[in-house]
mmCIF file of all heavy atoms, coordinates in Angstrom:
data_MODEL
# 
_entry.id   MODEL 
# 
loop_
_atom_site.group_PDB 
_atom_site.id 
_atom_site.type_symbol 
_atom_site.label_atom_id 
_atom_site.label_alt_id 
_atom_site.label_comp_id 
_atom_site.label_asym_id 
_atom_site.label_entity_id 
_atom_site.label_seq_id 
_atom_site.pdbx_PDB_ins_code 
_atom_site.Cartn_x 
_atom_site.Cartn_y 
_atom_site.Cartn_z 
_atom_site.occupancy 
_atom_site.B_iso_or_equiv 
_atom_site.pdbx_formal_charge 
_atom_site.auth_seq_id 
_atom_site.auth_comp_id 
_atom_site.auth_asym_id 
_atom_site.auth_atom_id 
_atom_site.pdbx_PDB_model_num 
ATOM 1   N N   . ALA A 1 1  ? 29.615 79.878  -87.557 1.00 0.00 ? 1  ALA A N   1 
ATOM 2   C CA  . ALA A 1 1  ? 28.794 79.047  -88.416 1.00 0.00 ? 1  ALA A CA  1 
ATOM 3   C C   . ALA A 1 1  ? 29.620 77.928  -89.078 1.00 0.00 ? 1  ALA A C   1 
ATOM 4   O O   . ALA A 1 1  ? 29.008 76.996  -89.615 1.00 0.00 ? 1  ALA A O   1 
ATOM 5   C CB  . ALA A 1 1  ? 28.147 79.897  -89.514 1.00 0.00 ? 1  ALA A CB  1 
ATOM 6   N N   . THR A 1 2  ? 30.916 78.008  -89.032 1.00 0.00 ? 2  THR A N   1 
ATOM 7   C CA  . THR A 1 2  ? 31.733 76.924  -89.589 1.00 0.00 ? 2  THR A CA  1 
ATOM 8   C C   . THR A 1 2  ? 31.896 75.761  -88.613 1.00 0.00 ? 2  THR A C   1 
ATOM 9   O O   . THR A 1 2  ? 32.338 74.697  -89.041 1.00 0.00 ? 2  THR A O   1 
ATOM 10  C CB  . THR A 1 2  ? 33.121 77.443  -89.978 1.00 0.00 ? 2  THR A CB  1 
ATOM 11  O OG1 . THR A 1 2  ? 33.798 77.903  -88.788 1.00 0.00 ? 2  THR A OG1 1 
ATOM 12  C CG2 . THR A 1 2  ? 33.023 78.583  -90.975 1.00 0.00 ? 2  THR A CG2 1 
ATOM 13  N N   . ASN A 1 3  ? 31.550 75.955  -87.348 1.00 0.00 ? 3  ASN A N   1 
ATOM 14  C CA  . ASN A 1 3  ? 31.847 74.955  -86.342 1.00 0.00 ? 3  ASN A CA  1 
ATOM 15  C C   . ASN A 1 3  ? 30.543 74.370  -85.778 1.00 0.00 ? 3  ASN A C   1 
ATOM 16  O O   . ASN A 1 3  ? 29.660 75.103  -85.294 1.00 0.00 ? 3  ASN A O   1 
ATOM 17  C CB  . ASN A 1 3  ? 32.631 75.616  -85.172 1.00 0.00 ? 3  ASN A CB  1 
ATOM 18  C CG  . ASN A 1 3  ? 33.131 74.586  -84.184 1.00 0.00 ? 3  ASN A CG  1 
ATOM 19  O OD1 . ASN A 1 3  ? 32.459 74.293  -83.225 1.00 0.00 ? 3  ASN A OD1 1 
ATOM 20  N ND2 . ASN A 1 3  ? 34.317 74.061  -84.435 1.00 0.00 ? 3  ASN A ND2 1 
ATOM 21  N N   . PRO A 1 4  ? 30.381 73.045  -85.829 1.00 0.00 ? 4  PRO A N   1 
ATOM 22  C CA  . PRO A 1 4  ? 29.138 72.454  -85.336 1.00 0.00 ? 4  PRO A CA  1 
ATOM 23  C C   . PRO A 1 4  ? 28.948 72.583  -83.834 1.00 0.00 ? 4  PRO A C   1 
ATOM 24  O O   . PRO A 1 4  ? 27.816 72.707  -83.354 1.00 0.00 ? 4  PRO A O   1 
ATOM 25  C CB  . PRO A 1 4  ? 29.253 70.978  -85.760 1.00 0.00 ? 4  PRO A CB  1 
ATOM 26  C CG  . PRO A 1 4  ? 30.713 70.758  -85.965 1.00 0.00 ? 4  PRO A CG  1 
ATOM 27  C CD  . PRO A 1 4  ? 31.281 72.053  -86.425 1.00 0.00 ? 4  PRO A CD  1 
ATOM 28  N N   . LEU A 1 5  ? 30.028 72.561  -83.053 1.00 0.00 ? 5  LEU A N   1 
ATOM 29  C CA  . LEU A 1 5  ? 29.890 72.665  -81.601 1.00 0.00 ? 5  LEU A CA  1 
ATOM 30  C C   . LEU A 1 5  ? 29.375 74.045  -81.207 1.00 0.00 ? 5  LEU A C   1 
ATOM 31  O O   . LEU A 1 5  ? 28.401 74.176  -80.458 1.00 0.00 ? 5  LEU A O   1 
ATOM 32  C CB  . LEU A 1 5  ? 31.259 72.398  -80.932 1.00 0.00 ? 5  LEU A CB  1 
ATOM 33  C CG  . LEU A 1 5  ? 31.753 70.955  -80.965 1.00 0.00 ? 5  LEU A CG  1 
ATOM 34  C CD1 . LEU A 1 5  ? 33.176 70.886  -80.423 1.00 0.00 ? 5  LEU A CD1 1 
ATOM 35  C CD2 . LEU A 1 5  ? 30.823 70.057  -80.157 1.00 0.00 ? 5  LEU A CD2 1 
ATOM 36  N N   . LEU A 1 6  ? 30.029 75.108  -81.714 1.00 0.00 ? 6  LEU A N   1 
ATOM 37  C CA  . LEU A 1 6  ? 29.589 76.442  -81.390 1.00 0.00 ? 6  LEU A CA  1 
ATOM 38  C C   . LEU A 1 6  ? 28.219 76.732  -81.952 1.00 0.00 ? 6  LEU A C   1 
ATOM 39  O O   . LEU A 1 6  ? 27.395 77.447  -81.323 1.00 0.00 ? 6  LEU A O   1 
ATOM 40  C CB  . LEU A 1 6  ? 30.612 77.455  -81.913 1.00 0.00 ? 6  LEU A CB  1 
ATOM 41  C CG  . LEU A 1 6  ? 31.997 77.429  -81.264 1.00 0.00 ? 6  LEU A CG  1 
ATOM 42  C CD1 . LEU A 1 6  ? 32.921 78.420  -81.944 1.00 0.00 ? 6  LEU A CD1 1 
ATOM 43  C CD2 . LEU A 1 6  ? 31.894 77.741  -79.786 1.00 0.00 ? 6  LEU A CD2 1 
ATOM 44  N N   . THR A 1 7  ? 27.922 76.205  -83.126 1.00 0.00 ? 7  THR A N   1 
ATOM 45  C CA  . THR A 1 7  ? 26.603 76.408  -83.719 1.00 0.00 ? 7  THR A CA  1 
ATOM 46  C C   . THR A 1 7  ? 25.515 75.760  -82.846 1.00 0.00 ? 7  THR A C   1 
ATOM 47  O O   . THR A 1 7  ? 24.438 76.354  -82.648 1.00 0.00 ? 7  THR A O   1 
ATOM 48  C CB  . THR A 1 7  ? 26.554 75.867  -85.135 1.00 0.00 ? 7  THR A CB  1 
ATOM 49  O OG1 . THR A 1 7  ? 27.508 76.554  -85.952 1.00 0.00 ? 7  THR A OG1 1 
ATOM 50  C CG2 . THR A 1 7  ? 25.165 76.063  -85.748 1.00 0.00 ? 7  THR A CG2 1 
ATOM 51  N N   . GLY A 1 8  ? 25.791 74.567  -82.355 1.00 0.00 ? 8  GLY A N   1 
ATOM 52  C CA  . GLY A 1 8  ? 24.801 73.889  -81.500 1.00 0.00 ? 8  GLY A CA  1 
ATOM 53  C C   . GLY A 1 8  ? 24.556 74.652  -80.235 1.00 0.00 ? 8  GLY A C   1 
ATOM 54  O O   . GLY A 1 8  ? 23.394 74.813  -79.814 1.00 0.00 ? 8  GLY A O   1 
ATOM 55  N N   . VAL A 1 9  ? 25.629 75.119  -79.587 1.00 0.00 ? 9  VAL A N   1 
ATOM 56  C CA  . VAL A 1 9  ? 25.462 75.832  -78.313 1.00 0.00 ? 9  VAL A CA  1 
ATOM 57  C C   . VAL A 1 9  ? 24.719 77.148  -78.508 1.00 0.00 ? 9  VAL A C   1 
ATOM 58  O O   . VAL A 1 9  ? 23.764 77.474  -77.801 1.00 0.00 ? 9  VAL A O   1 
ATOM 59  C CB  . VAL A 1 9  ? 26.828 76.027  -77.659 1.00 0.00 ? 9  VAL A CB  1 
ATOM 60  C CG1 . VAL A 1 9  ? 26.699 76.941  -76.421 1.00 0.00 ? 9  VAL A CG1 1 
ATOM 61  C CG2 . VAL A 1 9  ? 27.464 74.724  -77.285 1.00 0.00 ? 9  VAL A CG2 1 
ATOM 62  N N   . THR A 1 10 ? 25.152 77.941  -79.470 1.00 0.00 ? 10 THR A N   1 
ATOM 63  C CA  . THR A 1 10 ? 24.523 79.244  -79.718 1.00 0.00 ? 10 THR A CA  1 
ATOM 64  C C   . THR A 1 10 ? 23.106 79.103  -80.245 1.00 0.00 ? 10 THR A C   1 
ATOM 65  O O   . THR A 1 10 ? 22.244 79.936  -79.938 1.00 0.00 ? 10 THR A O   1 
ATOM 66  C CB  . THR A 1 10 ? 25.382 80.087  -80.643 1.00 0.00 ? 10 THR A CB  1 
ATOM 67  O OG1 . THR A 1 10 ? 25.642 79.319  -81.876 1.00 0.00 ? 10 THR A OG1 1 
ATOM 68  C CG2 . THR A 1 10 ? 26.715 80.466  -80.003 1.00 0.00 ? 10 THR A CG2 1 
ATOM 69  N N   . SER A 1 11 ? 22.843 78.071  -81.062 1.00 0.00 ? 11 SER A N   1 
ATOM 70  C CA  . SER A 1 11 ? 21.482 77.842  -81.544 1.00 0.00 ? 11 SER A CA  1 
ATOM 71  C C   . SER A 1 11 ? 20.536 77.486  -80.390 1.00 0.00 ? 11 SER A C   1 
ATOM 72  O O   . SER A 1 11 ? 19.378 77.974  -80.325 1.00 0.00 ? 11 SER A O   1 
ATOM 73  C CB  . SER A 1 11 ? 21.458 76.749  -82.608 1.00 0.00 ? 11 SER A CB  1 
ATOM 74  O OG  . SER A 1 11 ? 22.196 77.106  -83.739 1.00 0.00 ? 11 SER A OG  1 
ATOM 75  N N   . ALA A 1 12 ? 21.012 76.642  -79.466 1.00 0.00 ? 12 ALA A N   1 
ATOM 76  C CA  . ALA A 1 12 ? 20.211 76.300  -78.311 1.00 0.00 ? 12 ALA A CA  1 
ATOM 77  C C   . ALA A 1 12 ? 19.907 77.515  -77.460 1.00 0.00 ? 12 ALA A C   1 
ATOM 78  O O   . ALA A 1 12 ? 18.774 77.710  -76.981 1.00 0.00 ? 12 ALA A O   1 
ATOM 79  C CB  . ALA A 1 12 ? 20.906 75.205  -77.485 1.00 0.00 ? 12 ALA A CB  1 
ATOM 80  N N   . ALA A 1 13 ? 20.948 78.354  -77.270 1.00 0.00 ? 13 ALA A N   1 
ATOM 81  C CA  . ALA A 1 13 ? 20.712 79.591  -76.487 1.00 0.00 ? 13 ALA A CA  1 
ATOM 82  C C   . ALA A 1 13 ? 19.685 80.511  -77.168 1.00 0.00 ? 13 ALA A C   1 
ATOM 83  O O   . ALA A 1 13 ? 18.841 81.102  -76.497 1.00 0.00 ? 13 ALA A O   1 
ATOM 84  C CB  . ALA A 1 13 ? 22.054 80.314  -76.289 1.00 0.00 ? 13 ALA A CB  1 
ATOM 85  N N   . GLY A 1 14 ? 19.750 80.606  -78.484 1.00 0.00 ? 14 GLY A N   1 
ATOM 86  C CA  . GLY A 1 14 ? 18.786 81.444  -79.183 1.00 0.00 ? 14 GLY A CA  1 
ATOM 87  C C   . GLY A 1 14 ? 17.381 80.916  -79.141 1.00 0.00 ? 14 GLY A C   1 
ATOM 88  O O   . GLY A 1 14 ? 16.413 81.662  -78.991 1.00 0.00 ? 14 GLY A O   1 
ATOM 89  N N   . LEU A 1 15 ? 17.251 79.579  -79.237 1.00 0.00 ? 15 LEU A N   1 
ATOM 90  C CA  . LEU A 1 15 ? 15.896 78.973  -79.175 1.00 0.00 ? 15 LEU A CA  1 
ATOM 91  C C   . LEU A 1 15 ? 15.288 79.118  -77.778 1.00 0.00 ? 15 LEU A C   1 
ATOM 92  O O   . LEU A 1 15 ? 14.090 79.367  -77.641 1.00 0.00 ? 15 LEU A O   1 
ATOM 93  C CB  . LEU A 1 15 ? 15.982 77.510  -79.580 1.00 0.00 ? 15 LEU A CB  1 
ATOM 94  C CG  . LEU A 1 15 ? 16.285 77.222  -81.039 1.00 0.00 ? 15 LEU A CG  1 
ATOM 95  C CD1 . LEU A 1 15 ? 16.513 75.729  -81.277 1.00 0.00 ? 15 LEU A CD1 1 
ATOM 96  C CD2 . LEU A 1 15 ? 15.141 77.728  -81.939 1.00 0.00 ? 15 LEU A CD2 1 
ATOM 97  N N   . VAL A 1 16 ? 16.103 78.965  -76.747 1.00 0.00 ? 16 VAL A N   1 
ATOM 98  C CA  . VAL A 1 16 ? 15.596 79.133  -75.382 1.00 0.00 ? 16 VAL A CA  1 
ATOM 99  C C   . VAL A 1 16 ? 15.163 80.553  -75.136 1.00 0.00 ? 16 VAL A C   1 
ATOM 100 O O   . VAL A 1 16 ? 14.135 80.818  -74.494 1.00 0.00 ? 16 VAL A O   1 
ATOM 101 C CB  . VAL A 1 16 ? 16.700 78.703  -74.362 1.00 0.00 ? 16 VAL A CB  1 
ATOM 102 C CG1 . VAL A 1 16 ? 16.294 79.073  -72.942 1.00 0.00 ? 16 VAL A CG1 1 
ATOM 103 C CG2 . VAL A 1 16 ? 16.931 77.197  -74.452 1.00 0.00 ? 16 VAL A CG2 1 
ATOM 104 N N   . ALA A 1 17 ? 15.915 81.523  -75.648 1.00 0.00 ? 17 ALA A N   1 
ATOM 105 C CA  . ALA A 1 17 ? 15.569 82.939  -75.446 1.00 0.00 ? 17 ALA A CA  1 
ATOM 106 C C   . ALA A 1 17 ? 14.436 83.399  -76.360 1.00 0.00 ? 17 ALA A C   1 
ATOM 107 O O   . ALA A 1 17 ? 13.947 84.536  -76.181 1.00 0.00 ? 17 ALA A O   1 
ATOM 108 C CB  . ALA A 1 17 ? 16.818 83.806  -75.697 1.00 0.00 ? 17 ALA A CB  1 
ATOM 109 N N   . GLY A 1 18 ? 14.029 82.565  -77.313 1.00 0.00 ? 18 GLY A N   1 
ATOM 110 C CA  . GLY A 1 18 ? 12.958 82.948  -78.214 1.00 0.00 ? 18 GLY A CA  1 
ATOM 111 C C   . GLY A 1 18 ? 13.356 83.989  -79.228 1.00 0.00 ? 18 GLY A C   1 
ATOM 112 O O   . GLY A 1 18 ? 12.513 84.759  -79.692 1.00 0.00 ? 18 GLY A O   1 
ATOM 113 N N   . ARG A 1 19 ? 14.627 84.025  -79.624 1.00 0.00 ? 19 ARG A N   1 
ATOM 114 C CA  . ARG A 1 19 ? 15.079 85.008  -80.593 1.00 0.00 ? 19 ARG A CA  1 
ATOM 115 C C   . ARG A 1 19 ? 14.623 84.606  -81.990 1.00 0.00 ? 19 ARG A C   1 
ATOM 116 O O   . ARG A 1 19 ? 14.558 83.442  -82.334 1.00 0.00 ? 19 ARG A O   1 
ATOM 117 C CB  . ARG A 1 19 ? 16.616 85.126  -80.559 1.00 0.00 ? 19 ARG A CB  1 
ATOM 118 C CG  . ARG A 1 19 ? 17.111 85.549  -79.194 1.00 0.00 ? 19 ARG A CG  1 
ATOM 119 C CD  . ARG A 1 19 ? 18.618 85.392  -79.059 1.00 0.00 ? 19 ARG A CD  1 
ATOM 120 N NE  . ARG A 1 19 ? 19.361 86.485  -79.667 1.00 0.00 ? 19 ARG A NE  1 
ATOM 121 C CZ  . ARG A 1 19 ? 20.679 86.629  -79.538 1.00 0.00 ? 19 ARG A CZ  1 
ATOM 122 N NH1 . ARG A 1 19 ? 21.372 85.746  -78.817 1.00 0.00 ? 19 ARG A NH1 1 
ATOM 123 N NH2 . ARG A 1 19 ? 21.295 87.619  -80.115 1.00 0.00 ? 19 ARG A NH2 1 
ATOM 124 N N   . PRO A 1 20 ? 14.284 85.571  -82.833 1.00 0.00 ? 20 PRO A N   1 
ATOM 125 C CA  . PRO A 1 20 ? 13.840 85.275  -84.183 1.00 0.00 ? 20 PRO A CA  1 
ATOM 126 C C   . PRO A 1 20 ? 14.970 84.731  -85.049 1.00 0.00 ? 20 PRO A C   1 
ATOM 127 O O   . PRO A 1 20 ? 16.165 84.813  -84.697 1.00 0.00 ? 20 PRO A O   1 
ATOM 128 C CB  . PRO A 1 20 ? 13.328 86.625  -84.701 1.00 0.00 ? 20 PRO A CB  1 
ATOM 129 C CG  . PRO A 1 20 ? 14.049 87.625  -83.914 1.00 0.00 ? 20 PRO A CG  1 
ATOM 130 C CD  . PRO A 1 20 ? 14.271 87.016  -82.546 1.00 0.00 ? 20 PRO A CD  1 
ATOM 131 N N   . VAL A 1 21 ? 14.603 84.233  -86.218 1.00 0.00 ? 21 VAL A N   1 
ATOM 132 C CA  . VAL A 1 21 ? 15.601 83.667  -87.130 1.00 0.00 ? 21 VAL A CA  1 
ATOM 133 C C   . VAL A 1 21 ? 16.503 84.784  -87.674 1.00 0.00 ? 21 VAL A C   1 
ATOM 134 O O   . VAL A 1 21 ? 17.735 84.657  -87.699 1.00 0.00 ? 21 VAL A O   1 
ATOM 135 C CB  . VAL A 1 21 ? 14.911 82.912  -88.273 1.00 0.00 ? 21 VAL A CB  1 
ATOM 136 C CG1 . VAL A 1 21 ? 15.949 82.369  -89.272 1.00 0.00 ? 21 VAL A CG1 1 
ATOM 137 C CG2 . VAL A 1 21 ? 14.097 81.764  -87.705 1.00 0.00 ? 21 VAL A CG2 1 
ATOM 138 N N   . ILE A 1 22 ? 15.909 85.882  -88.106 1.00 0.00 ? 22 ILE A N   1 
ATOM 139 C CA  . ILE A 1 22 ? 16.662 87.038  -88.599 1.00 0.00 ? 22 ILE A CA  1 
ATOM 140 C C   . ILE A 1 22 ? 16.050 88.282  -87.962 1.00 0.00 ? 22 ILE A C   1 
ATOM 141 O O   . ILE A 1 22 ? 14.814 88.440  -87.970 1.00 0.00 ? 22 ILE A O   1 
ATOM 142 C CB  . ILE A 1 22 ? 16.597 87.136  -90.150 1.00 0.00 ? 22 ILE A CB  1 
ATOM 143 C CG1 . ILE A 1 22 ? 17.194 85.879  -90.796 1.00 0.00 ? 22 ILE A CG1 1 
ATOM 144 C CG2 . ILE A 1 22 ? 17.350 88.357  -90.625 1.00 0.00 ? 22 ILE A CG2 1 
ATOM 145 C CD1 . ILE A 1 22 ? 17.090 85.863  -92.297 1.00 0.00 ? 22 ILE A CD1 1 
ATOM 146 N N   . ALA A 1 23 ? 16.895 89.144  -87.413 1.00 0.00 ? 23 ALA A N   1 
ATOM 147 C CA  . ALA A 1 23 ? 16.375 90.347  -86.739 1.00 0.00 ? 23 ALA A CA  1 
ATOM 148 C C   . ALA A 1 23 ? 17.497 91.342  -86.620 1.00 0.00 ? 23 ALA A C   1 
ATOM 149 O O   . ALA A 1 23 ? 18.685 91.011  -86.727 1.00 0.00 ? 23 ALA A O   1 
ATOM 150 C CB  . ALA A 1 23 ? 15.797 90.016  -85.371 1.00 0.00 ? 23 ALA A CB  1 
ATOM 151 N N   . LEU A 1 24 ? 17.108 92.582  -86.399 1.00 0.00 ? 24 LEU A N   1 
ATOM 152 C CA  . LEU A 1 24 ? 18.043 93.655  -86.043 1.00 0.00 ? 24 LEU A CA  1 
ATOM 153 C C   . LEU A 1 24 ? 17.990 93.830  -84.530 1.00 0.00 ? 24 LEU A C   1 
ATOM 154 O O   . LEU A 1 24 ? 16.936 94.100  -83.974 1.00 0.00 ? 24 LEU A O   1 
ATOM 155 C CB  . LEU A 1 24 ? 17.671 94.942  -86.759 1.00 0.00 ? 24 LEU A CB  1 
ATOM 156 C CG  . LEU A 1 24 ? 18.040 95.056  -88.228 1.00 0.00 ? 24 LEU A CG  1 
ATOM 157 C CD1 . LEU A 1 24 ? 17.488 96.354  -88.828 1.00 0.00 ? 24 LEU A CD1 1 
ATOM 158 C CD2 . LEU A 1 24 ? 19.548 94.976  -88.437 1.00 0.00 ? 24 LEU A CD2 1 
ATOM 159 N N   . GLU A 1 25 ? 19.134 93.662  -83.875 1.00 0.00 ? 25 GLU A N   1 
ATOM 160 C CA  . GLU A 1 25 ? 19.201 93.781  -82.427 1.00 0.00 ? 25 GLU A CA  1 
ATOM 161 C C   . GLU A 1 25 ? 20.071 94.971  -82.070 1.00 0.00 ? 25 GLU A C   1 
ATOM 162 O O   . GLU A 1 25 ? 21.167 95.147  -82.648 1.00 0.00 ? 25 GLU A O   1 
ATOM 163 C CB  . GLU A 1 25 ? 19.721 92.505  -81.813 1.00 0.00 ? 25 GLU A CB  1 
ATOM 164 C CG  . GLU A 1 25 ? 18.814 91.322  -82.007 1.00 0.00 ? 25 GLU A CG  1 
ATOM 165 C CD  . GLU A 1 25 ? 19.301 90.067  -81.308 1.00 0.00 ? 25 GLU A CD  1 
ATOM 166 O OE1 . GLU A 1 25 ? 20.476 90.074  -80.863 1.00 0.00 ? 25 GLU A OE1 1 
ATOM 167 O OE2 . GLU A 1 25 ? 18.521 89.134  -81.183 1.00 0.00 ? 25 GLU A OE2 1 
ATOM 168 N N   . ARG A 1 26 ? 19.638 95.745  -81.090 1.00 0.00 ? 26 ARG A N   1 
ATOM 169 C CA  . ARG A 1 26 ? 20.334 96.929  -80.673 1.00 0.00 ? 26 ARG A CA  1 
ATOM 170 C C   . ARG A 1 26 ? 21.275 96.620  -79.532 1.00 0.00 ? 26 ARG A C   1 
ATOM 171 O O   . ARG A 1 26 ? 20.856 96.162  -78.461 1.00 0.00 ? 26 ARG A O   1 
ATOM 172 C CB  . ARG A 1 26 ? 19.382 98.034  -80.262 1.00 0.00 ? 26 ARG A CB  1 
ATOM 173 C CG  . ARG A 1 26 ? 20.068 99.389  -80.031 1.00 0.00 ? 26 ARG A CG  1 
ATOM 174 C CD  . ARG A 1 26 ? 19.029 100.465 -79.807 1.00 0.00 ? 26 ARG A CD  1 
ATOM 175 N NE  . ARG A 1 26 ? 19.682 101.786 -79.687 1.00 0.00 ? 26 ARG A NE  1 
ATOM 176 C CZ  . ARG A 1 26 ? 20.031 102.512 -80.716 1.00 0.00 ? 26 ARG A CZ  1 
ATOM 177 N NH1 . ARG A 1 26 ? 19.782 102.096 -81.956 1.00 0.00 ? 26 ARG A NH1 1 
ATOM 178 N NH2 . ARG A 1 26 ? 20.614 103.690 -80.556 1.00 0.00 ? 26 ARG A NH2 1 
ATOM 179 N N   . VAL A 1 27 ? 22.565 96.817  -79.752 1.00 0.00 ? 27 VAL A N   1 
ATOM 180 C CA  . VAL A 1 27 ? 23.591 96.657  -78.713 1.00 0.00 ? 27 VAL A CA  1 
ATOM 181 C C   . VAL A 1 27 ? 24.151 98.053  -78.436 1.00 0.00 ? 27 VAL A C   1 
ATOM 182 O O   . VAL A 1 27 ? 24.839 98.638  -79.308 1.00 0.00 ? 27 VAL A O   1 
ATOM 183 C CB  . VAL A 1 27 ? 24.702 95.698  -79.179 1.00 0.00 ? 27 VAL A CB  1 
ATOM 184 C CG1 . VAL A 1 27 ? 25.781 95.573  -78.118 1.00 0.00 ? 27 VAL A CG1 1 
ATOM 185 C CG2 . VAL A 1 27 ? 24.094 94.315  -79.489 1.00 0.00 ? 27 VAL A CG2 1 
ATOM 186 N N   . ALA A 1 28 ? 23.891 98.576  -77.249 1.00 0.00 ? 28 ALA A N   1 
ATOM 187 C CA  . ALA A 1 28 ? 24.291 99.933  -76.888 1.00 0.00 ? 28 ALA A CA  1 
ATOM 188 C C   . ALA A 1 28 ? 23.653 100.886 -77.901 1.00 0.00 ? 28 ALA A C   1 
ATOM 189 O O   . ALA A 1 28 ? 22.428 100.992 -77.989 1.00 0.00 ? 28 ALA A O   1 
ATOM 190 C CB  . ALA A 1 28 ? 25.793 100.073 -76.828 1.00 0.00 ? 28 ALA A CB  1 
ATOM 191 N N   . ASN A 1 29 ? 24.450 101.524 -78.741 1.00 0.00 ? 29 ASN A N   1 
ATOM 192 C CA  . ASN A 1 29 ? 23.890 102.461 -79.723 1.00 0.00 ? 29 ASN A CA  1 
ATOM 193 C C   . ASN A 1 29 ? 24.049 101.953 -81.158 1.00 0.00 ? 29 ASN A C   1 
ATOM 194 O O   . ASN A 1 29 ? 23.983 102.734 -82.096 1.00 0.00 ? 29 ASN A O   1 
ATOM 195 C CB  . ASN A 1 29 ? 24.579 103.826 -79.595 1.00 0.00 ? 29 ASN A CB  1 
ATOM 196 C CG  . ASN A 1 29 ? 26.069 103.718 -79.909 1.00 0.00 ? 29 ASN A CG  1 
ATOM 197 O OD1 . ASN A 1 29 ? 26.639 102.637 -79.833 1.00 0.00 ? 29 ASN A OD1 1 
ATOM 198 N ND2 . ASN A 1 29 ? 26.681 104.855 -80.246 1.00 0.00 ? 29 ASN A ND2 1 
# 
């Protein structure tokens, strides 16, 4: 979140995938 480049890339990936703004996501267990 401190870096505009990484924020832009990861935000675009989240918007394309339709991920919510805030959520609990299960990774393995």
